Protein backbone atom coordinates (compact mmCIF):
# COMPACT_ATOMS: atom_id res chain seq x y z
CA MET A 1 -14.17 7.74 10.33
CA LYS A 2 -12.50 11.02 9.49
CA ALA A 3 -10.41 11.64 6.43
CA SER A 4 -7.44 11.92 8.54
CA SER A 5 -7.94 8.64 10.27
CA ILE A 6 -8.24 7.20 6.94
CA LEU A 7 -5.35 8.77 5.52
CA VAL A 8 -3.26 7.53 8.49
CA ALA A 9 -4.44 3.82 8.00
CA ALA A 10 -3.52 4.14 4.55
CA GLY A 11 -0.20 5.71 5.20
CA LEU A 12 0.57 2.85 7.59
CA ILE A 13 0.13 0.50 5.00
CA VAL A 14 2.22 1.98 2.48
CA LEU A 15 4.87 2.75 5.09
CA SER A 16 5.01 -0.52 6.41
CA LEU A 17 5.87 -2.14 3.03
CA THR A 18 5.35 -0.81 -0.41
CA ALA A 19 2.31 -0.98 -2.41
CA CYS A 20 -0.81 -2.81 -1.04
CA GLY A 21 -3.77 -3.35 -2.78
CA GLY A 22 -4.96 -5.45 -5.94
CA ASP A 23 -3.81 -5.11 -9.35
CA ASP A 24 -4.26 -7.47 -12.57
CA ASP A 25 -1.62 -9.75 -11.65
CA ASP A 26 -2.48 -13.48 -11.65
CA ASP A 27 -0.91 -14.00 -8.38
CA ASP A 28 -2.95 -11.84 -6.49
CA ASP A 29 -4.96 -13.55 -3.62
CA GLY A 30 -7.24 -10.92 -2.79
CA ASN A 31 -5.39 -9.70 -0.01
CA GLY A 32 -3.24 -7.45 -2.15
CA GLY A 33 -0.43 -10.21 -2.95
CA GLY A 34 -0.07 -9.14 -6.71
CA ALA A 35 0.47 -5.35 -5.73
CA CYS A 36 2.42 -6.14 -2.55
CA ALA A 37 4.91 -8.62 -4.39
CA LYS A 38 5.16 -6.18 -7.30
CA GLY A 39 5.99 -3.24 -5.31
CA CYS A 40 8.33 -5.19 -2.81
CA SER A 41 10.24 -6.60 -5.81
CA ALA A 42 10.64 -3.10 -7.55
CA ALA A 43 11.85 -1.57 -4.17
CA SER A 44 14.22 -4.44 -3.43
CA SER A 45 17.47 -2.96 -4.89
CA LEU A 46 17.22 -0.38 -1.68
CA ASN A 47 18.15 -3.19 0.19
CA CYS A 48 16.00 -1.99 3.32
CA PRO A 49 16.61 -3.90 6.50
CA ASN A 50 13.04 -5.43 6.78
CA GLN A 51 12.91 -5.93 2.92
CA ASP A 52 12.33 -9.95 3.97
CA THR A 53 8.89 -9.27 5.46
CA CYS A 54 7.90 -6.80 2.88
CA VAL A 55 5.29 -8.84 1.18
CA SER A 56 3.79 -10.51 4.28
CA ASP A 57 3.60 -7.24 6.19
CA CYS A 58 2.18 -5.54 3.24
CA GLU A 59 -0.89 -8.21 2.98
CA SER A 60 -1.29 -8.27 6.57
CA GLU A 61 -2.00 -4.55 6.56
CA LEU A 62 -3.79 -4.18 3.65
CA ALA A 63 -6.26 -7.25 4.90
CA GLY A 64 -6.76 -4.94 8.15
CA LEU A 65 -7.55 -1.81 6.27
CA LYS A 66 -10.08 -3.62 4.13
CA GLN A 67 -11.82 -5.07 7.39
CA LEU A 68 -11.64 -1.62 8.70
CA LEU A 69 -13.32 -0.03 5.53
CA PRO A 70 -15.34 -3.10 4.16
CA ASN A 71 -17.14 -0.72 1.50
CA CYS A 72 -13.91 0.82 0.27
CA GLY A 73 -12.03 -2.47 -1.29
CA ALA A 74 -11.97 -0.99 -4.63
CA GLN A 75 -10.52 2.40 -3.52
CA ILE A 76 -8.06 0.62 -1.23
CA ASP A 77 -6.86 -1.69 -4.25
CA ALA A 78 -6.60 1.39 -6.60
CA VAL A 79 -4.27 2.94 -3.83
CA GLY A 80 -2.15 -0.25 -3.73
CA ALA A 81 -1.94 -0.52 -7.58
CA CYS A 82 -0.97 3.12 -8.12
CA PHE A 83 1.98 2.45 -5.44
CA ALA A 84 2.92 -0.85 -6.72
CA ASN A 85 3.80 0.98 -10.42
CA LEU A 86 5.62 3.41 -8.92
CA PRO A 87 9.07 3.99 -10.04
CA VAL A 88 11.92 2.75 -7.32
CA SER A 89 13.01 6.49 -7.25
CA ASN A 90 9.66 7.10 -5.62
CA TYR A 91 10.44 4.71 -2.92
CA SER A 92 13.09 4.92 0.23
CA CYS A 93 13.84 3.21 3.42
CA ASN A 94 12.22 4.69 6.59
CA ALA A 95 13.79 5.03 9.77
CA ASP A 96 12.22 1.72 10.86
CA GLY A 97 13.94 0.07 8.18
CA ASP A 98 10.73 -0.58 5.94
CA VAL A 99 10.29 0.14 2.42
CA GLU A 100 8.30 3.72 2.03
CA PRO A 101 6.79 5.19 -1.19
CA ASP A 102 6.70 8.80 -1.56
CA MET A 103 3.27 9.90 -0.01
CA ASP A 104 2.85 12.67 -2.24
CA GLN A 105 2.27 10.19 -4.94
CA CYS A 106 -1.27 8.57 -6.06
CA GLN A 107 -3.03 11.49 -4.46
CA ALA A 108 -6.22 11.05 -6.39
CA GLU A 109 -6.23 7.35 -5.45
CA GLN A 110 -5.74 8.27 -1.53
CA ASP A 111 -8.40 10.91 -1.88
CA ALA A 112 -10.87 8.47 -3.18
CA VAL A 113 -10.02 6.13 -0.06
CA SER A 114 -11.15 9.26 2.19
CA THR A 115 -14.17 9.76 0.30
CA CYS A 116 -15.43 6.47 0.38
CA ALA A 117 -14.65 6.10 4.32
CA ASN A 118 -16.51 9.52 4.80
CA GLY A 119 -19.44 8.70 2.43
């Protein structure tokens, strides 16, 4: 799979909702629940129209990416953890009403997913 395809897939996840991927939170269910919840909570002050589905959409998108790239789970989790730890100033509401992180952030982690996918 081309790096651009992976970045698009990763971008869709983060564009769908905030941060997706694992972190060290005890409530992480293996589908990114901890990081998704953390990122969505952090961005809640933005009051994006689709905020109420933020966590569930994030978890669904993450599970799909991990299914697409089963050997890259750790790298995907690292992207999610990075986005989850961004301050709210690095988030906005996109045109579809979803929480969107600044895609210029967490570049090293995004590059690691691309490397894994192309490895």
